[in-house]
Protein backbone atom coordinates (compact mmCIF):
# COMPACT_ATOMS: atom_id res chain seq x y z
CA MET A 1 0.00 0.00 0.00
CA GLY A 2 1.33 3.43 -0.96
CA GLU A 3 2.39 5.99 1.61
CA ARG A 4 -0.30 8.46 2.66
CA THR A 5 0.51 12.11 2.04
CA GLY A 6 -1.88 13.53 4.62
CA ARG A 7 -5.30 15.15 4.52
CA PHE A 8 -6.67 17.23 1.63
CA LEU A 9 -9.68 19.50 2.26
CA ILE A 10 -12.20 20.15 -0.51
CA TYR A 11 -14.94 22.76 -0.12
CA LEU A 12 -17.71 22.83 -2.72
CA ILE A 13 -19.74 26.02 -2.31
CA GLN A 14 -22.91 27.09 -4.09
CA PRO A 15 -22.77 30.86 -3.54
CA THR A 16 -25.84 32.99 -3.03
CA HIS A 17 -26.29 36.45 -4.51
CA TYR A 18 -26.50 39.91 -2.97
CA ASP A 19 -29.75 41.69 -2.29
CA ASP A 20 -30.29 45.31 -3.28
CA ASP A 21 -28.65 46.45 -0.03
CA GLY A 22 -25.52 44.42 -0.66
CA TYR A 23 -26.16 41.59 1.81
CA PRO A 24 -25.99 37.91 0.83
CA LEU A 25 -29.46 36.44 0.38
CA GLN A 26 -29.59 33.83 3.13
CA TRP A 27 -32.29 31.97 5.00
CA HIS A 28 -32.65 29.81 8.08
CA ARG A 29 -34.21 27.22 5.76
CA THR A 30 -34.45 27.19 1.96
CA ILE A 31 -37.03 25.60 -0.35
CA VAL A 32 -35.00 23.63 -2.90
CA PRO A 33 -31.44 22.30 -2.56
CA SER A 34 -28.90 23.01 -5.28
CA ASN A 35 -28.76 20.45 -8.09
CA SER A 36 -25.38 21.81 -9.22
CA LEU A 37 -24.01 21.22 -5.74
CA ALA A 38 -25.46 17.70 -5.62
CA CYS A 39 -23.96 16.88 -9.03
CA LEU A 40 -20.49 18.19 -8.16
CA ASN A 41 -20.58 16.47 -4.79
CA GLY A 42 -21.32 13.16 -6.50
CA ILE A 43 -18.67 13.78 -9.19
CA VAL A 44 -15.95 14.62 -6.66
CA HIS A 45 -16.76 11.62 -4.46
CA ASP A 46 -16.64 9.42 -7.56
CA ALA A 47 -13.22 10.83 -8.47
CA ILE A 48 -11.95 10.06 -4.98
CA GLU A 49 -13.29 6.51 -5.16
CA ARG A 50 -11.53 6.07 -8.52
CA GLY A 51 -8.23 7.01 -6.88
CA VAL A 52 -7.72 10.35 -8.59
CA LEU A 53 -6.08 11.64 -5.39
CA ALA A 54 -4.55 8.30 -4.43
CA GLY A 55 -2.41 8.37 -1.34
CA THR A 56 -4.32 11.32 0.12
CA ASP A 57 -7.06 11.31 2.76
CA VAL A 58 -9.72 13.58 1.27
CA GLU A 59 -12.39 15.40 3.22
CA VAL A 60 -15.27 16.93 1.22
CA HIS A 61 -17.57 19.69 2.50
CA SER A 62 -20.60 20.69 0.42
CA ILE A 63 -22.13 24.04 1.36
CA ASN A 64 -25.18 25.88 0.02
CA GLU A 65 -24.68 29.50 0.99
CA PHE A 66 -28.40 30.22 0.61
CA ASN A 67 -28.89 28.46 3.97
CA THR A 68 -25.40 28.25 5.49
CA PHE A 69 -22.97 30.92 6.68
CA VAL A 70 -19.74 30.89 4.68
CA SER A 71 -16.64 32.41 6.22
CA PRO A 72 -13.75 32.65 3.74
CA GLN A 73 -11.45 33.58 6.64
CA LYS A 74 -12.37 30.37 8.47
CA ILE A 75 -11.76 28.26 5.37
CA VAL A 76 -8.37 29.93 4.84
CA ALA A 77 -7.47 29.22 8.47
CA GLU A 78 -8.58 25.57 8.29
CA ILE A 79 -6.58 24.95 5.12
CA ALA A 80 -3.56 26.76 6.59
CA GLU A 81 -3.74 24.56 9.70
CA ASN A 82 -3.78 21.59 7.31
CA GLY A 83 -0.48 22.65 5.83
CA GLY A 84 -2.06 24.54 2.95
CA LYS A 85 -3.52 21.36 1.48
CA GLY A 86 -6.99 22.27 0.27
CA PHE A 87 -9.13 23.52 -2.56
CA VAL A 88 -12.38 25.48 -2.97
CA GLY A 89 -14.73 25.08 -5.90
CA LEU A 90 -17.51 27.64 -6.36
CA VAL A 91 -20.09 25.65 -8.30
CA GLY A 92 -23.15 26.37 -10.39
CA VAL A 93 -22.47 30.11 -10.33
CA GLN A 94 -25.12 32.03 -12.28
CA SER A 95 -24.61 35.58 -13.48
CA ASN A 96 -26.40 37.18 -10.54
CA GLN A 97 -24.28 35.06 -8.16
CA PHE A 98 -20.95 35.94 -9.77
CA PRO A 99 -20.29 39.12 -7.72
CA ARG A 100 -20.76 37.16 -4.50
CA ALA A 101 -18.67 34.25 -5.82
CA LEU A 102 -15.90 36.69 -6.75
CA ASP A 103 -15.92 38.28 -3.29
CA ILE A 104 -15.57 34.86 -1.65
CA ALA A 105 -12.88 33.75 -4.10
CA ARG A 106 -10.93 36.99 -3.69
CA GLU A 107 -10.52 36.41 0.06
CA LEU A 108 -9.60 32.78 -0.48
CA ALA A 109 -7.01 33.59 -3.15
CA ALA A 110 -5.51 36.29 -0.94
CA GLY A 111 -5.06 33.61 1.73
CA GLY A 112 -3.24 31.33 -0.69
CA VAL A 113 -6.11 28.89 -1.22
CA PRO A 114 -6.49 27.36 -4.72
CA VAL A 115 -9.97 28.35 -5.89
CA CYS A 116 -11.96 27.75 -9.06
CA ILE A 117 -15.29 29.23 -10.25
CA GLY A 118 -17.60 27.28 -12.56
CA GLY A 119 -21.21 27.46 -13.60
CA PHE A 120 -23.51 29.17 -16.05
CA HIS A 121 -21.91 32.61 -16.08
CA VAL A 122 -18.44 31.37 -16.88
CA SER A 123 -19.64 28.73 -19.34
CA GLY A 124 -22.18 30.96 -21.08
CA SER A 125 -19.86 33.95 -21.41
CA ILE A 126 -17.07 31.87 -22.91
CA ALA A 127 -19.47 30.05 -25.22
CA MET A 128 -21.18 33.14 -26.64
CA LEU A 129 -18.78 36.10 -26.48
CA GLU A 130 -15.77 36.68 -28.72
CA ASP A 131 -13.74 38.21 -25.91
CA LEU A 132 -13.49 37.19 -22.28
CA PRO A 133 -15.56 39.74 -20.31
CA ALA A 134 -13.84 42.03 -17.85
CA GLU A 135 -15.09 40.27 -14.71
CA LEU A 136 -13.64 36.94 -15.87
CA ARG A 137 -10.30 38.50 -16.84
CA GLY A 138 -10.21 40.19 -13.45
CA ALA A 139 -10.83 36.88 -11.70
CA GLN A 140 -7.95 35.21 -13.52
CA GLU A 141 -5.61 38.02 -12.47
CA LEU A 142 -6.25 37.44 -8.74
CA PRO A 143 -5.51 34.48 -9.56
CA ILE A 144 -8.74 32.49 -9.67
CA ALA A 145 -9.20 29.54 -12.01
CA LEU A 146 -12.27 29.26 -14.24
CA PHE A 147 -14.08 26.08 -15.29
CA ALA A 148 -16.31 26.15 -18.38
CA GLY A 149 -18.60 23.27 -19.28
CA GLN A 150 -19.68 20.20 -17.33
CA ALA A 151 -17.55 18.09 -15.02
CA GLU A 152 -18.67 14.51 -15.76
CA ASP A 153 -16.57 12.01 -17.77
CA GLY A 154 -13.55 12.55 -15.54
CA ARG A 155 -13.18 16.26 -16.34
CA ILE A 156 -12.88 17.16 -12.69
CA ASP A 157 -9.83 14.91 -12.32
CA GLU A 158 -7.33 17.40 -13.74
CA VAL A 159 -8.68 20.18 -11.54
CA LEU A 160 -8.31 18.07 -8.38
CA ARG A 161 -4.79 16.92 -9.23
CA ASP A 162 -3.70 20.47 -10.11
CA ALA A 163 -5.26 21.81 -6.90
CA ARG A 164 -3.41 19.24 -4.80
CA ALA A 165 -0.18 20.22 -6.56
CA GLY A 166 -0.93 23.93 -6.01
CA ARG A 167 -0.85 24.84 -9.70
CA LEU A 168 -4.36 25.45 -10.97
CA LYS A 169 -4.56 26.56 -14.60
CA PRO A 170 -6.29 29.87 -15.44
CA LEU A 171 -8.99 28.10 -17.48
CA TYR A 172 -10.38 24.59 -17.84
CA ASP A 173 -12.48 24.83 -20.97
CA HIS A 174 -14.78 21.86 -21.62
CA GLY A 175 -17.64 23.89 -23.03
CA LYS A 176 -17.64 22.45 -26.53
CA ASP A 177 -17.51 18.76 -25.68
CA MET A 178 -20.61 17.67 -23.78
CA PRO A 179 -20.21 14.67 -21.47
CA ASN A 180 -22.15 11.45 -21.62
CA LEU A 181 -24.68 11.19 -18.80
CA ALA A 182 -25.37 7.43 -18.96
CA GLY A 183 -23.61 5.92 -15.98
CA ALA A 184 -22.56 9.34 -14.65
CA PRO A 185 -21.94 9.65 -10.89
CA VAL A 186 -24.99 9.75 -8.64
CA PRO A 187 -25.79 13.32 -7.51
CA PHE A 188 -26.37 13.51 -3.78
CA LEU A 189 -26.06 15.76 -0.76
CA ALA A 190 -25.44 14.85 2.84
CA ARG A 191 -28.57 14.56 4.93
CA GLY A 192 -27.39 17.52 6.98
CA GLU A 193 -27.58 19.70 3.89
CA ILE A 194 -31.04 18.38 3.02
CA ASP A 195 -32.19 19.19 6.56
CA ARG A 196 -31.51 22.85 5.86
CA THR A 197 -34.40 22.88 3.40
CA ILE A 198 -38.11 23.19 4.14
CA GLY A 199 -39.39 19.68 3.80
CA THR A 200 -37.34 16.66 2.88
CA LEU A 201 -36.56 16.98 -0.79
CA SER A 202 -33.67 17.01 -3.20
CA SER A 203 -33.12 17.68 -6.87
CA LEU A 204 -31.75 15.65 -9.77
CA ASP A 205 -31.40 15.70 -13.54
CA LEU A 206 -32.05 12.91 -16.02
CA GLY A 207 -31.17 14.76 -19.19
CA ARG A 208 -29.43 17.89 -20.47
CA GLY A 209 -29.54 19.76 -23.73
CA CYS A 210 -32.45 21.33 -25.56
CA PRO A 211 -33.32 21.27 -29.28
CA PHE A 212 -35.34 24.49 -29.17
CA ASP A 213 -34.02 27.93 -30.05
CA CYS A 214 -35.32 30.43 -27.47
CA SER A 215 -33.14 33.54 -27.76
CA PHE A 216 -33.47 34.49 -24.08
CA CYS A 217 -32.23 31.10 -22.84
CA ALA A 218 -28.63 30.49 -21.76
CA ILE A 219 -29.12 26.80 -21.06
CA ILE A 220 -29.05 25.75 -24.72
CA ASN A 221 -25.62 27.35 -25.12
CA VAL A 222 -24.21 25.92 -21.88
CA GLN A 223 -25.67 22.41 -21.87
CA GLY A 224 -25.86 22.09 -25.65
CA ARG A 225 -28.62 21.57 -28.18
CA LYS A 226 -28.03 17.84 -28.46
CA SER A 227 -29.90 16.04 -25.73
CA ARG A 228 -28.05 13.58 -23.50
CA PHE A 229 -29.72 11.27 -21.01
CA ARG A 230 -29.20 9.14 -17.95
CA THR A 231 -30.63 5.62 -17.96
CA ALA A 232 -33.40 4.02 -15.92
CA ASP A 233 -30.70 2.20 -13.95
CA ASP A 234 -29.08 5.56 -13.19
CA LEU A 235 -32.43 6.85 -11.95
CA GLU A 236 -32.89 3.87 -9.66
CA LYS A 237 -29.41 4.36 -8.17
CA ILE A 238 -30.22 8.02 -7.49
CA ILE A 239 -33.55 7.20 -5.88
CA ARG A 240 -32.15 4.43 -3.70
CA ARG A 241 -29.13 6.52 -2.66
CA ASN A 242 -31.43 9.32 -1.52
CA ALA A 243 -34.04 6.98 -0.02
CA ALA A 244 -31.31 5.65 2.27
CA ASP A 245 -31.30 9.15 3.79
CA GLY A 246 -35.09 9.31 3.93
CA ILE A 247 -35.46 11.50 0.84
CA TYR A 248 -38.34 10.68 -1.51
CA THR A 249 -39.38 14.03 -3.00
CA PHE A 250 -37.44 15.50 -5.91
CA PHE A 251 -37.38 18.48 -8.20
CA LEU A 252 -36.36 17.25 -11.66
CA THR A 253 -34.23 20.02 -13.17
CA ASP A 254 -34.42 18.77 -16.78
CA ASP A 255 -35.62 21.67 -18.88
CA ASN A 256 -38.02 19.41 -20.70
CA PHE A 257 -38.67 15.94 -19.35
CA ALA A 258 -41.15 15.28 -22.18
CA ARG A 259 -38.33 15.39 -24.74
CA ASN A 260 -36.23 12.86 -22.85
CA ARG A 261 -36.26 9.78 -25.06
CA ASN A 262 -36.16 7.60 -21.93
CA TRP A 263 -39.16 9.21 -20.27
CA GLU A 264 -41.33 6.10 -20.42
CA ALA A 265 -38.56 3.84 -19.10
CA PHE A 266 -38.05 6.33 -16.26
CA CYS A 267 -41.75 6.33 -15.45
CA ASP A 268 -41.96 2.54 -15.56
CA ARG A 269 -39.01 2.26 -13.20
CA LEU A 270 -40.52 4.78 -10.80
CA ILE A 271 -43.84 2.94 -10.88
CA ALA A 272 -41.99 -0.26 -9.95
CA LEU A 273 -40.12 1.49 -7.12
CA ARG A 274 -43.36 2.95 -5.80
CA ALA A 275 -44.84 -0.55 -5.81
CA GLU A 276 -41.94 -1.54 -3.53
CA GLY A 277 -42.99 1.13 -1.06
CA LEU A 278 -40.64 3.93 -2.16
CA LYS A 279 -43.26 6.66 -2.45
CA VAL A 280 -41.32 8.92 -4.79
CA ARG A 281 -42.86 12.30 -5.63
CA LEU A 282 -41.63 14.54 -8.44
CA THR A 283 -41.94 18.02 -9.84
CA ILE A 284 -41.04 18.07 -13.54
CA GLN A 285 -40.55 20.69 -16.25
CA ILE A 286 -42.25 20.12 -19.60
CA ASP A 287 -43.19 21.94 -22.79
CA THR A 288 -46.66 22.97 -23.93
CA LEU A 289 -47.01 20.01 -26.29
CA ALA A 290 -46.26 17.23 -23.81
CA HIS A 291 -49.93 16.40 -23.36
CA LYS A 292 -50.05 15.24 -26.98
CA ILE A 293 -47.57 12.42 -26.33
CA PRO A 294 -49.58 9.20 -25.91
CA ARG A 295 -49.75 7.99 -22.29
CA PHE A 296 -47.34 10.71 -21.13
CA ILE A 297 -49.55 12.35 -18.53
CA GLU A 298 -50.97 9.04 -17.31
CA LYS A 299 -47.53 7.49 -16.93
CA CYS A 300 -46.05 10.56 -15.24
CA THR A 301 -48.77 10.86 -12.61
CA ALA A 302 -48.64 7.11 -11.92
CA ALA A 303 -44.86 7.51 -11.45
CA GLY A 304 -45.35 10.12 -8.73
CA VAL A 305 -45.41 13.40 -10.65
CA TYR A 306 -47.61 15.69 -8.58
CA SER A 307 -46.47 19.05 -9.90
CA VAL A 308 -45.45 20.39 -13.31
CA PHE A 309 -43.67 23.54 -14.44
CA ILE A 310 -44.53 24.76 -17.94
CA GLY A 311 -42.75 27.58 -19.74
CA LEU A 312 -45.90 29.38 -20.86
CA GLU A 313 -43.90 32.63 -21.24
CA ASN A 314 -46.68 34.54 -23.00
CA ILE A 315 -50.14 34.23 -24.56
CA ASN A 316 -49.20 36.30 -27.59
CA SER A 317 -47.99 34.46 -30.68
CA ASP A 318 -45.89 37.34 -32.00
CA SER A 319 -44.07 37.68 -28.69
CA LEU A 320 -43.26 33.99 -28.61
CA GLU A 321 -42.14 34.00 -32.23
CA SER A 322 -39.90 37.04 -31.65
CA VAL A 323 -37.75 35.07 -29.16
CA GLY A 324 -37.72 31.82 -31.11
CA LYS A 325 -40.22 29.98 -28.91
CA LYS A 326 -42.24 28.77 -31.87
CA GLN A 327 -43.11 25.47 -30.21
CA ASN A 328 -45.66 27.19 -27.96
CA ARG A 329 -49.11 27.22 -29.60
CA VAL A 330 -51.46 29.50 -27.68
CA ASP A 331 -54.52 27.80 -29.11
CA ASP A 332 -53.44 24.55 -27.41
CA TYR A 333 -52.99 26.09 -23.98
CA ARG A 334 -56.33 25.39 -22.36
CA GLU A 335 -56.53 21.82 -23.65
CA MET A 336 -53.03 21.23 -22.27
CA PHE A 337 -53.77 22.65 -18.84
CA LEU A 338 -57.02 20.75 -18.49
CA ALA A 339 -55.25 17.51 -19.34
CA TRP A 340 -52.91 18.03 -16.37
CA LYS A 341 -55.62 19.45 -14.13
CA CYS A 342 -57.78 16.37 -14.63
CA ARG A 343 -54.85 14.35 -13.29
CA HIS A 344 -54.73 16.62 -10.24
CA ALA A 345 -51.28 18.04 -10.91
CA VAL A 346 -50.29 21.38 -9.39
CA ILE A 347 -49.61 23.60 -12.41
CA THR A 348 -46.87 26.24 -12.28
CA CYS A 349 -46.07 28.46 -15.25
CA GLY A 350 -43.50 31.05 -16.18
CA TYR A 351 -44.62 34.33 -17.73
CA ILE A 352 -42.14 36.82 -19.15
CA VAL A 353 -42.81 40.55 -18.92
CA GLY A 354 -41.10 42.80 -21.42
CA PHE A 355 -41.42 41.37 -24.91
CA PRO A 356 -40.85 44.07 -27.56
CA ASN A 357 -44.57 44.65 -28.22
CA ASP A 358 -45.55 44.62 -24.53
CA THR A 359 -47.03 47.66 -22.85
CA LYS A 360 -48.11 47.98 -19.27
CA ASP A 361 -51.77 47.81 -20.31
CA SER A 362 -51.26 44.81 -22.58
CA VAL A 363 -49.39 42.88 -19.87
CA LEU A 364 -52.12 43.53 -17.32
CA ALA A 365 -54.77 42.60 -19.87
CA ASP A 366 -52.94 39.33 -20.58
CA ILE A 367 -52.78 38.55 -16.86
CA GLU A 368 -56.55 39.02 -16.62
CA THR A 369 -57.03 36.71 -19.62
CA ILE A 370 -54.82 34.07 -17.99
CA LYS A 371 -56.76 34.34 -14.74
CA ARG A 372 -60.08 33.94 -16.51
CA ARG A 373 -59.26 31.29 -19.10
CA LEU A 374 -56.36 29.12 -17.89
CA PRO A 375 -56.45 26.87 -14.79
CA ILE A 376 -52.95 27.78 -13.62
CA ASP A 377 -52.20 27.44 -9.90
CA ILE A 378 -48.88 29.30 -9.68
CA LEU A 379 -47.50 31.96 -12.05
CA PHE A 380 -43.85 33.07 -11.98
CA LEU A 381 -43.48 36.52 -13.50
CA THR A 382 -39.99 37.46 -14.71
CA TYR A 383 -38.42 40.29 -16.68
CA LEU A 384 -37.22 39.53 -20.20
CA THR A 385 -33.50 39.52 -19.40
CA PRO A 386 -30.49 39.24 -21.73
CA LEU A 387 -28.71 36.64 -19.61
CA PRO A 388 -25.01 36.15 -20.32
CA GLY A 389 -24.80 32.97 -22.36
CA SER A 390 -27.98 33.71 -24.32
CA ALA A 391 -28.29 34.87 -27.93
CA ASP A 392 -30.09 37.99 -26.67
CA HIS A 393 -27.06 38.94 -24.57
CA ARG A 394 -24.56 38.19 -27.35
CA ASN A 395 -26.55 40.27 -29.82
CA ALA A 396 -26.91 43.14 -27.36
CA VAL A 397 -23.15 43.19 -26.71
CA ALA A 398 -22.41 43.10 -30.45
CA ALA A 399 -24.86 45.94 -31.12
CA GLY A 400 -23.59 48.10 -28.27
CA THR A 401 -27.01 48.05 -26.57
CA TRP A 402 -27.08 49.38 -23.01
CA LEU A 403 -26.91 46.55 -20.49
CA GLU A 404 -27.06 46.79 -16.72
CA PRO A 405 -23.40 46.75 -15.53
CA ASP A 406 -24.24 45.14 -12.18
CA LEU A 407 -24.37 41.37 -12.73
CA GLY A 408 -26.23 41.03 -9.45
CA LYS A 409 -29.34 42.35 -11.18
CA TYR A 410 -29.42 39.55 -13.77
CA ASP A 411 -31.80 37.53 -11.60
CA LEU A 412 -34.93 37.91 -13.79
CA HIS A 413 -36.50 40.16 -11.15
CA HIS A 414 -34.66 43.39 -12.03
CA ARG A 415 -34.53 45.33 -15.27
CA ALA A 416 -31.20 44.61 -16.98
CA THR A 417 -31.72 46.53 -20.21
CA ARG A 418 -34.07 49.13 -21.73
CA HIS A 419 -37.45 48.38 -23.27
CA PRO A 420 -38.29 49.71 -26.76
CA VAL A 421 -41.77 50.88 -25.75
CA MET A 422 -42.09 51.08 -21.97
CA SER A 423 -40.18 53.38 -19.66
CA GLY A 424 -38.36 51.80 -16.75
CA ALA A 425 -41.16 52.85 -14.40
CA GLU A 426 -43.82 51.39 -16.71
CA TRP A 427 -41.93 48.11 -17.05
CA ASP A 428 -41.57 47.83 -13.27
CA ALA A 429 -45.25 48.64 -12.82
CA ALA A 430 -46.27 45.99 -15.36
CA TYR A 431 -44.18 43.41 -13.53
CA HIS A 432 -45.26 44.22 -9.98
CA GLU A 433 -48.91 45.00 -10.75
CA GLY A 434 -49.16 41.86 -12.87
CA HIS A 435 -47.88 39.80 -9.96
CA GLY A 436 -50.27 41.50 -7.56
CA ARG A 437 -53.26 40.94 -9.83
CA PHE A 438 -52.61 37.24 -10.29
CA TYR A 439 -52.25 36.72 -6.53
CA ASP A 440 -55.15 38.89 -5.41
CA TRP A 441 -57.45 37.25 -2.89
CA ASP A 442 -60.35 36.77 -5.29
CA HIS A 443 -58.22 34.90 -7.79
CA ILE A 444 -56.64 32.78 -5.06
CA GLU A 445 -60.13 31.69 -4.07
CA THR A 446 -60.80 30.85 -7.71
CA ILE A 447 -57.63 28.71 -7.78
CA PHE A 448 -58.83 26.78 -4.74
CA ARG A 449 -62.34 26.34 -6.14
CA ARG A 450 -60.99 24.98 -9.42
CA MET A 451 -58.78 22.60 -7.50
CA VAL A 452 -61.68 21.29 -5.40
CA ALA A 453 -64.05 21.04 -8.37
CA THR A 454 -61.57 18.96 -10.37
CA GLY A 455 -61.03 16.55 -7.47
CA SER A 456 -57.47 17.55 -6.56
CA ASN A 457 -56.04 16.43 -3.23
CA LYS A 458 -53.11 18.87 -3.43
CA ARG A 459 -54.75 21.51 -1.27
CA PHE A 460 -51.92 22.06 1.21
CA SER A 461 -49.06 21.85 -1.27
CA THR A 462 -50.95 24.43 -3.32
CA LEU A 463 -51.53 26.57 -0.24
CA TYR A 464 -47.84 26.61 0.70
CA ARG A 465 -46.80 27.51 -2.82
CA LEU A 466 -49.30 30.35 -2.93
CA LEU A 467 -48.00 31.54 0.43
CA ALA A 468 -44.41 31.56 -0.82
CA CYS A 469 -45.24 33.20 -4.15
CA ARG A 470 -47.44 35.91 -2.71
CA ASN A 471 -45.03 36.89 0.05
CA ALA A 472 -41.60 36.39 -1.54
CA LEU A 473 -41.81 39.26 -3.98
CA GLN A 474 -43.74 41.55 -1.67
CA ASN A 475 -41.51 41.04 1.37
CA GLU A 476 -38.07 40.28 -0.05
CA GLY A 477 -38.19 41.18 -3.75
CA VAL A 478 -37.23 37.64 -4.78
CA ALA A 479 -38.87 34.70 -6.54
CA MET A 480 -40.47 31.81 -4.68
CA LEU A 481 -37.59 29.39 -5.27
CA GLU A 482 -35.18 31.95 -3.80
CA SER A 483 -37.34 32.56 -0.76
CA ALA A 484 -37.66 30.45 2.34
CA PHE A 485 -38.19 30.67 6.06
CA PHE A 486 -36.71 33.58 8.05
CA ARG A 487 -34.23 35.84 6.31
CA VAL A 488 -30.75 35.95 7.87
CA LYS A 489 -28.47 39.01 7.59
CA ARG A 490 -25.03 39.57 9.11
CA ARG A 491 -23.84 43.14 9.48
CA ARG A 492 -20.20 42.40 8.68
CA GLN A 493 -21.04 40.36 5.61
CA ARG A 494 -21.58 42.93 2.88
CA ARG A 495 -20.72 43.32 -0.77
CA SER A 496 -17.23 44.47 -1.61
CA GLY A 497 -17.06 48.26 -1.95
CA MET A 498 -20.11 48.94 0.23
CA PRO A 499 -19.61 50.47 3.68
CA LEU A 500 -20.16 48.63 6.95
CA GLU A 501 -23.40 49.89 8.47
CA ASN A 502 -23.59 51.34 11.97
CA PRO A 503 -25.04 48.76 14.41
CA VAL A 504 -27.54 51.36 15.62
CA VAL A 505 -28.91 51.55 12.06
CA PHE A 506 -28.49 47.93 10.95
CA TYR A 507 -30.00 45.92 13.78
CA PRO A 508 -33.25 47.88 14.39
CA ARG A 509 -33.95 47.88 10.64
CA TYR A 510 -33.16 44.17 10.31
CA TRP A 511 -35.36 43.09 13.19
CA ALA A 512 -38.19 45.41 12.15
CA HIS A 513 -38.11 43.89 8.67
CA ALA A 514 -37.94 40.37 10.10
CA ALA A 515 -40.97 41.07 12.29
CA ARG A 516 -42.96 42.46 9.35
CA SER A 517 -42.06 39.43 7.25
CA VAL A 518 -43.00 36.92 9.94
CA PHE A 519 -46.29 38.61 10.80
CA GLY A 520 -47.05 39.17 7.12
CA ALA A 521 -46.48 35.49 6.38
CA ALA A 522 -48.62 34.48 9.35
CA TYR A 523 -51.45 36.76 8.20
CA THR A 524 -51.24 35.43 4.63
CA TYR A 525 -51.20 31.83 5.84
CA LEU A 526 -54.25 32.27 8.05
CA ARG A 527 -56.18 34.04 5.30
CA LEU A 528 -55.25 31.30 2.81
CA ARG A 529 -56.45 28.67 5.28
CA ARG A 530 -59.75 30.53 5.64
CA ILE A 531 -60.23 30.74 1.86
CA LEU A 532 -59.30 27.09 1.41
CA HIS A 533 -61.71 26.03 4.14
CA ARG A 534 -64.51 28.02 2.51
CA ALA A 535 -63.86 26.41 -0.87
CA TRP A 536 -63.49 22.93 0.62
CA THR A 537 -66.66 23.02 2.71
CA ASP A 538 -68.94 24.67 0.16
CA PRO A 539 -71.84 22.20 -0.33
CA ASP A 540 -71.85 23.06 -4.05
CA ARG A 541 -68.07 22.78 -4.41
CA TYR A 542 -68.18 19.99 -6.99
CA ASP A 543 -70.60 21.94 -9.17
CA TYR A 544 -68.26 24.89 -9.58
CA VAL A 545 -67.31 25.64 -13.19
CA ASP A 546 -65.82 28.59 -15.03
CA GLU A 547 -64.21 29.32 -18.41
CA ALA A 548 -60.90 27.79 -17.39
CA ILE A 549 -62.16 24.35 -16.36
CA ALA A 550 -65.12 24.04 -18.71
CA PRO A 551 -64.70 21.20 -21.23
CA VAL A 552 -62.86 22.16 -24.39
CA VAL A 553 -65.21 22.32 -27.36
CA GLY A 554 -63.55 20.45 -30.19
CA GLY A 555 -62.67 22.50 -33.25
CA THR A 556 -63.59 25.91 -31.87
CA GLU A 557 -61.36 26.37 -28.87
CA GLY A 558 -58.28 27.44 -30.79
CA GLU A 559 -60.03 30.04 -32.91
CA ASP A 560 -61.88 31.39 -29.90
CA TRP A 561 -58.72 31.59 -27.84
CA VAL A 562 -56.77 33.46 -30.49
CA ALA A 563 -59.69 35.83 -30.97
CA THR A 564 -59.68 36.85 -27.33
CA THR A 565 -55.95 37.57 -27.18
CA ARG A 566 -54.20 40.48 -28.80
CA LEU A 567 -54.74 40.36 -32.56
CA THR A 568 -51.12 40.70 -33.56
CA ASP A 569 -49.80 40.04 -37.04
CA ARG A 570 -49.17 36.35 -36.50
CA ALA A 571 -52.49 35.81 -34.75
CA LEU A 572 -54.28 37.50 -37.63
CA ARG A 573 -52.44 35.41 -40.19
CA ARG A 574 -53.45 32.24 -38.40
CA ARG A 575 -57.10 33.36 -38.62
CA GLY A 576 -56.76 34.11 -42.32
CA GLN A 577 -57.10 37.85 -41.79
CA THR A 578 -54.86 40.80 -42.53
CA ALA A 579 -53.94 43.69 -40.33
CA ALA A 580 -55.75 46.93 -40.93
């Protein structure tokens, strides 16, 4: 047996991002664990088991900064006490997280710790821009290594060996060669990390890559347009590995599970596992045409799918066509939603505010149409954002279009560019008023009544999602998936370049805000419970019907739907008319 060379410390950190006041967005408990962190944790453990760092005792720490305090100074000290033998990887870093990742990495590099940043911002920027952007060049000068692409197929091995030797390269570029996912390491997180989330759930992916051409999307240029898939055996290993820690609920991060060629094999395997007593539950992401795949909905719900996310994006054909999302057919929307609703799935949709032909009035009118005609339970409103890594961002850079210089605002909930029609104030009003209108109390009651009338048993999961969605934006200015239970702020942990606040100012403001958030959440919860109780105990609850859940009339629904949305050029063409 070879001689041991001592202990080597590896820290894998999913950084958070700064809020508008320059404090890291952190919570006592978060909603969804990081899939990027789970993947890298599994990949690194696999590398260790394969002997990539043979002769070294390796200790791996996986940290999600959204729910865990990260002290770069403490990490520097721990690695120094270990004789300088250690490495930090900042994983899954999105554009809005990059300023925070850079602040952490800067302190680590100053303390002599080898550190590498990977994720969507690095990968997307390198994939789509001719020149390395200033923030990435600045990182390399510190020096901080960059990793572009995905780490499966042994691509992490070189990074780990170089880190142990203390000679990380400036760039590890694997962006053009996508790894095979069949047989890839099992993504997992320690149970302690899972316990820092609300509920017992984890996340996983079964496929990457997307054949569609949405111009606002960075994923297609980071994960590739050619789809790659895990196998049913891979899925079973993931489920059993997590079940050993008591984890049965998962968020499937695949952008479109319906286009995974193995979807039926996955469903069949999950059905078999559920028959064994492993009561797996899944939230999946799908496209608007998934309901047309034979047996898809039936198989998915039998396999434990209880919630679906659908990229609705808009109800205007011209808007969808302008960003390359031609696969969405607005005249299929209601049929699609009813197909899922009849299977009692909780339906969540994304809606983008800020397409070129949007106005404040048209956005608000579209929201009212959605409320009236589509049985959607949860609606995520986002700004149309030129995310680094997307075609929209590349084209804006090439054209010299003004872009928000602060990467922290590329979170889909801040304006990051200018709109051709709306002023900044109008765009903000469309976004915030649209959110408020969808989640007004009357419409929430309608959501519950539709759920009861269609026989859904997802009343409390729906309630908790409505609670999170209604309060997250109002109280914290963040989306539901970035919100959680009890916001945590530390006075001395603030964005680089921003002054340390006086304790007399910081602490009263922090605790006043915390109190408002807690009491606001309590009030919202109690009112939601009251509305749900009223809908659930109504003696005529099963007789409730409205436009959204009425049966689709064959042959007329599409024409009627298009007629009641904005009659844009494409909509008119589809009706055989011409614009005036």
